[in-house]
Amino acid sequence: MDENRLILVIDDEEIVHSSVKRILTRLGYKVEGVFTAQEALQKLEQNSYDAVITDLMMPEMNGIDMLHQMKKRKINVPTIMITGYPTIKTAIQALRLGAVDYIPKPFTRQELLSPLSRALRRSDGAETEIAGDRPADEIHENEPTPSPGDCFYLPGHSWALYNQDGTVDIGVENGFMDSIPTVEQIETPLENDIIEQGYPGLKLKAALEVHSVFMPLSGRVVAVNEAITTTPSSLYSHIWVLRIIPSQLRTELASLRRRSKC
């Protein structure tokens, strides 16, 4: 473990600081902690950090507002959001603002370390927006149903490709794939299972890490790409893993971003 890795932890509960610090310092990380987002922003402007772990619910300024401020101030540090009050709306909002992952309290050691590994790899090679992307919240109620070939994505996690027959193919985002080791095993839902937007739908096992991929849309699974589940190491960002019949397509597209192709 690189002992020069410096992690900033923001939470208004001392027990969370103690828990995170105990886990990370045993692995050789250096950890600094503050109790408010305002203190965190000051430190982020003055010092260089490899990753941020922040609570969502904090006094005066919450985690979402802090992400807004980081974006506004061009502070590009991979961030993991933790909270005891998870909602899909805030989870997706955090991801769209650049958060690497969203972890509900209480969390296990693995639930913390796998996203942190992705965050640190992302800090080693900054992820860039694809030219031509536009927020899907520019899709208005009077806009027609997406056309075949239209692609939408949940930043840093997954993409959704609309097909001619109304089904949607789902794959793993390039930024996610680039920040994990070679995939050794994939856990997927079964055909006819229901997946939900903003919840983990795939688990990728890579080395000693387990990474959960949040789903871009809700719906019923109608096909699983058996070639990928049989040979997990062949998984790349352009390959579909699940095919679904979406259940709330128009409503949920507003939470995603649009790009020219998947």
Protein backbone atom coordinates (compact mmCIF):
# COMPACT_ATOMS: atom_id res chain seq x y z
CA MET A 1 0.00 0.00 0.00
CA ASP A 2 1.29 3.48 -0.90
CA GLU A 3 1.94 5.25 2.39
CA ASN A 4 1.83 8.63 0.63
CA ARG A 5 -1.89 8.33 -0.10
CA LEU A 6 -3.72 11.04 1.83
CA ILE A 7 -7.46 10.69 2.46
CA LEU A 8 -9.72 13.48 3.77
CA VAL A 9 -12.71 12.32 5.85
CA ILE A 10 -15.65 14.67 6.51
CA ASP A 11 -18.31 13.65 9.02
CA ASP A 12 -19.93 15.28 12.04
CA GLU A 13 -19.78 12.01 14.03
CA GLU A 14 -16.58 11.08 15.84
CA ILE A 15 -17.43 7.37 15.64
CA VAL A 16 -17.32 7.50 11.84
CA HIS A 17 -13.91 9.20 11.91
CA SER A 18 -12.60 6.55 14.28
CA SER A 19 -13.98 3.68 12.19
CA VAL A 20 -12.66 4.96 8.86
CA LYS A 21 -9.28 5.90 10.33
CA ARG A 22 -8.89 2.48 11.96
CA ILE A 23 -9.58 0.69 8.68
CA LEU A 24 -7.39 2.91 6.50
CA THR A 25 -4.36 3.49 8.72
CA ARG A 26 -3.92 -0.27 9.13
CA LEU A 27 -3.45 -0.41 5.37
CA GLY A 28 -0.86 2.37 5.36
CA TYR A 29 -3.05 5.31 4.31
CA LYS A 30 -2.70 8.73 5.89
CA VAL A 31 -6.02 10.11 7.09
CA GLU A 32 -7.07 13.65 7.99
CA GLY A 33 -10.52 14.39 9.41
CA VAL A 34 -12.78 17.43 9.71
CA PHE A 35 -16.34 17.79 10.99
CA THR A 36 -17.85 20.27 8.51
CA ALA A 37 -17.93 20.79 4.76
CA GLN A 38 -16.64 24.35 5.18
CA GLU A 39 -13.50 23.07 6.91
CA ALA A 40 -13.13 20.46 4.19
CA LEU A 41 -13.27 23.00 1.37
CA GLN A 42 -10.58 25.09 3.05
CA LYS A 43 -8.32 22.04 3.36
CA LEU A 44 -9.01 20.97 -0.22
CA GLU A 45 -7.95 24.40 -1.50
CA GLN A 46 -4.78 24.39 0.61
CA ASN A 47 -3.60 20.77 0.38
CA SER A 48 -3.40 17.90 -2.07
CA TYR A 49 -5.57 14.85 -1.31
CA ASP A 50 -5.91 11.58 -3.19
CA ALA A 51 -9.55 10.98 -2.20
CA VAL A 52 -12.39 12.38 -0.12
CA ILE A 53 -14.84 10.39 2.00
CA THR A 54 -17.76 12.58 3.07
CA ASP A 55 -21.05 12.27 4.90
CA LEU A 56 -24.21 13.43 3.15
CA MET A 57 -26.08 14.91 6.12
CA MET A 58 -23.98 17.58 7.84
CA PRO A 59 -24.85 20.89 9.54
CA GLU A 60 -24.80 24.13 7.51
CA MET A 61 -23.59 22.53 4.26
CA ASN A 62 -24.45 18.96 3.23
CA GLY A 63 -22.43 16.60 1.06
CA ILE A 64 -24.32 17.40 -2.15
CA ASP A 65 -23.73 21.14 -1.64
CA MET A 66 -20.06 20.41 -1.00
CA LEU A 67 -19.82 18.50 -4.30
CA HIS A 68 -21.36 21.54 -6.02
CA GLN A 69 -18.74 23.76 -4.39
CA MET A 70 -15.92 21.42 -5.37
CA LYS A 71 -17.11 21.50 -8.97
CA LYS A 72 -17.48 25.29 -8.88
CA ARG A 73 -13.97 25.74 -7.42
CA LYS A 74 -12.50 23.17 -9.83
CA ILE A 75 -11.38 20.89 -7.00
CA ASN A 76 -10.98 17.58 -8.82
CA VAL A 77 -10.58 14.98 -6.07
CA PRO A 78 -12.45 11.63 -6.33
CA THR A 79 -15.17 11.58 -3.67
CA ILE A 80 -17.11 8.82 -1.91
CA MET A 81 -20.43 9.74 -0.29
CA ILE A 82 -21.59 7.98 2.89
CA THR A 83 -24.90 8.46 4.65
CA GLY A 84 -27.37 7.00 7.08
CA TYR A 85 -30.28 8.41 5.03
CA PRO A 86 -29.90 6.99 1.54
CA THR A 87 -32.38 7.93 -1.17
CA ILE A 88 -32.13 7.14 -4.86
CA LYS A 89 -32.53 10.82 -5.74
CA THR A 90 -29.54 11.89 -3.67
CA ALA A 91 -27.48 8.87 -4.78
CA ILE A 92 -27.95 9.70 -8.44
CA GLN A 93 -27.41 13.39 -7.79
CA ALA A 94 -24.10 12.61 -6.08
CA LEU A 95 -22.97 10.42 -8.99
CA ARG A 96 -23.90 13.08 -11.53
CA LEU A 97 -21.80 15.57 -9.59
CA GLY A 98 -18.80 13.28 -9.87
CA ALA A 99 -18.95 11.09 -6.75
CA VAL A 100 -17.28 7.71 -7.26
CA ASP A 101 -19.77 5.84 -5.12
CA TYR A 102 -22.52 6.12 -2.54
CA ILE A 103 -22.27 3.98 0.61
CA PRO A 104 -25.06 3.65 3.20
CA LYS A 105 -24.22 3.49 6.91
CA PRO A 106 -23.32 1.21 8.54
CA PHE A 107 -20.77 0.00 6.00
CA THR A 108 -18.39 -2.95 6.05
CA ARG A 109 -14.67 -2.84 5.51
CA GLN A 110 -15.07 -4.19 1.97
CA GLU A 111 -17.89 -1.75 1.16
CA LEU A 112 -15.47 1.07 1.98
CA LEU A 113 -12.25 -0.28 0.49
CA SER A 114 -13.49 -1.34 -2.96
CA PRO A 115 -14.89 2.13 -3.86
CA LEU A 116 -11.78 3.72 -2.34
CA SER A 117 -9.60 1.61 -4.63
CA ARG A 118 -11.58 2.90 -7.63
CA ALA A 119 -11.31 6.46 -6.34
CA LEU A 120 -7.53 6.24 -5.99
CA ARG A 121 -7.10 4.74 -9.44
CA ARG A 122 -9.29 7.52 -10.81
CA SER A 123 -7.07 10.13 -9.13
CA ASP A 124 -4.09 8.56 -10.92
CA GLY A 125 -5.77 9.10 -14.29
CA ALA A 126 -8.44 11.81 -14.34
CA GLU A 127 -11.66 10.87 -16.12
CA THR A 128 -12.88 13.31 -18.75
CA GLU A 129 -16.35 14.08 -20.04
CA ILE A 130 -17.05 12.88 -23.56
CA ALA A 131 -17.55 15.71 -25.99
CA GLY A 132 -21.15 16.09 -27.02
CA ASP A 133 -22.63 14.78 -23.79
CA ARG A 134 -25.58 16.72 -22.48
CA PRO A 135 -27.61 16.40 -19.31
CA ALA A 136 -30.69 14.26 -19.77
CA ASP A 137 -32.61 16.77 -17.67
CA GLU A 138 -32.74 18.79 -20.89
CA ILE A 139 -35.27 16.15 -22.01
CA HIS A 140 -38.67 17.72 -21.55
CA GLU A 141 -42.06 16.10 -21.08
CA ASN A 142 -43.06 16.85 -24.68
CA GLU A 143 -39.90 15.26 -26.12
CA PRO A 144 -40.65 11.97 -27.92
CA THR A 145 -39.57 8.55 -26.69
CA PRO A 146 -35.84 8.00 -27.33
CA SER A 147 -34.87 6.77 -30.78
CA PRO A 148 -33.12 3.43 -31.35
CA GLY A 149 -29.40 3.88 -30.72
CA ASP A 150 -29.82 6.70 -28.18
CA CYS A 151 -27.45 6.26 -25.25
CA PHE A 152 -27.79 7.46 -21.66
CA TYR A 153 -25.50 6.92 -18.71
CA LEU A 154 -25.16 7.13 -14.97
CA PRO A 155 -21.74 8.79 -14.59
CA GLY A 156 -18.99 6.51 -13.40
CA HIS A 157 -21.18 3.40 -13.25
CA SER A 158 -23.35 2.26 -16.16
CA TRP A 159 -24.87 3.06 -19.55
CA ALA A 160 -28.22 2.32 -21.20
CA LEU A 161 -28.75 1.88 -24.96
CA TYR A 162 -32.30 2.15 -26.31
CA ASN A 163 -33.17 -0.57 -28.86
CA GLN A 164 -35.60 -0.71 -31.78
CA ASP A 165 -37.91 -3.14 -29.97
CA GLY A 166 -38.19 -0.95 -26.84
CA THR A 167 -35.75 -2.96 -24.78
CA VAL A 168 -32.64 -1.38 -23.26
CA ASP A 169 -29.13 -2.81 -23.16
CA ILE A 170 -27.07 -2.05 -20.04
CA GLY A 171 -23.29 -2.07 -19.77
CA VAL A 172 -20.54 -0.79 -17.47
CA GLU A 173 -19.12 2.71 -17.91
CA ASN A 174 -15.59 3.14 -19.27
CA GLY A 175 -14.47 5.10 -16.19
CA PHE A 176 -15.60 2.27 -13.92
CA MET A 177 -13.82 -0.39 -15.97
CA ASP A 178 -10.62 1.64 -16.10
CA SER A 179 -10.50 1.93 -12.32
CA ILE A 180 -10.70 -1.78 -11.41
CA PRO A 181 -8.40 -4.76 -12.06
CA THR A 182 -9.29 -7.42 -14.62
CA VAL A 183 -12.72 -8.85 -13.81
CA GLU A 184 -12.62 -12.45 -12.61
CA GLN A 185 -16.28 -13.05 -11.82
CA ILE A 186 -19.59 -11.33 -12.56
CA GLU A 187 -22.75 -11.68 -10.49
CA THR A 188 -25.87 -10.70 -12.42
CA PRO A 189 -29.61 -10.87 -11.81
CA LEU A 190 -31.51 -13.71 -13.47
CA GLU A 191 -33.96 -13.40 -16.35
CA ASN A 192 -37.28 -11.94 -15.14
CA ASP A 193 -35.61 -10.40 -12.08
CA ILE A 194 -36.33 -6.72 -11.42
CA ILE A 195 -33.54 -4.15 -11.27
CA GLU A 196 -33.95 -0.62 -9.93
CA GLN A 197 -32.35 2.66 -10.92
CA GLY A 198 -29.61 3.75 -8.53
CA TYR A 199 -29.29 0.35 -6.87
CA PRO A 200 -26.49 -2.20 -7.46
CA GLY A 201 -27.41 -4.57 -10.28
CA LEU A 202 -24.03 -6.13 -11.04
CA LYS A 203 -21.17 -7.23 -8.82
CA LEU A 204 -17.74 -7.44 -10.38
CA LYS A 205 -15.10 -9.43 -8.52
CA ALA A 206 -11.58 -8.32 -9.40
CA ALA A 207 -8.50 -9.47 -7.49
CA LEU A 208 -9.59 -9.27 -3.83
CA GLU A 209 -12.10 -6.49 -4.52
CA VAL A 210 -15.87 -6.61 -5.06
CA HIS A 211 -17.36 -3.66 -6.96
CA SER A 212 -21.09 -2.91 -7.22
CA VAL A 213 -22.38 -1.29 -10.42
CA PHE A 214 -25.40 0.96 -9.95
CA MET A 215 -28.13 0.56 -12.56
CA PRO A 216 -29.12 3.42 -14.89
CA LEU A 217 -32.77 2.37 -15.26
CA SER A 218 -35.42 0.20 -13.60
CA GLY A 219 -37.01 -2.72 -15.36
CA ARG A 220 -37.34 -6.46 -15.86
CA VAL A 221 -34.35 -8.45 -17.08
CA VAL A 222 -35.12 -10.29 -20.33
CA ALA A 223 -31.59 -11.41 -21.23
CA VAL A 224 -28.12 -11.79 -19.70
CA ASN A 225 -25.04 -11.81 -21.91
CA GLU A 226 -23.84 -15.36 -21.24
CA ALA A 227 -20.61 -14.82 -23.18
CA ILE A 228 -19.57 -12.24 -20.58
CA THR A 229 -20.65 -14.21 -17.52
CA THR A 230 -18.80 -17.26 -18.87
CA THR A 231 -15.62 -15.29 -19.65
CA PRO A 232 -15.63 -12.29 -17.26
CA SER A 233 -12.17 -11.09 -18.30
CA SER A 234 -13.64 -10.25 -21.72
CA LEU A 235 -15.89 -7.57 -20.21
CA TYR A 236 -15.22 -4.16 -21.73
CA SER A 237 -17.14 -0.90 -21.49
CA HIS A 238 -18.78 -1.24 -24.93
CA ILE A 239 -20.27 -4.69 -24.26
CA TRP A 240 -23.81 -5.09 -22.92
CA VAL A 241 -24.35 -7.26 -19.86
CA LEU A 242 -28.10 -7.02 -19.25
CA ARG A 243 -31.10 -6.43 -21.53
CA ILE A 244 -34.22 -5.11 -19.83
CA ILE A 245 -37.75 -3.97 -20.50
CA PRO A 246 -37.74 -0.56 -18.78
CA SER A 247 -40.58 0.19 -16.39
CA GLN A 248 -40.20 3.95 -15.89
CA LEU A 249 -38.24 5.02 -18.96
CA ARG A 250 -39.34 8.63 -19.49
CA THR A 251 -39.26 9.49 -15.78
CA GLU A 252 -35.85 7.96 -15.11
CA LEU A 253 -34.10 9.30 -18.21
CA ALA A 254 -34.24 12.76 -16.62
CA SER A 255 -31.81 11.50 -13.96
CA LEU A 256 -29.20 10.42 -16.52
CA ARG A 257 -26.88 12.07 -19.00
CA ARG A 258 -27.01 11.65 -22.75
CA ARG A 259 -24.17 10.86 -25.10
CA SER A 260 -23.88 10.35 -28.82
CA LYS A 261 -23.05 6.63 -28.56
CA CYS A 262 -22.39 3.92 -25.96
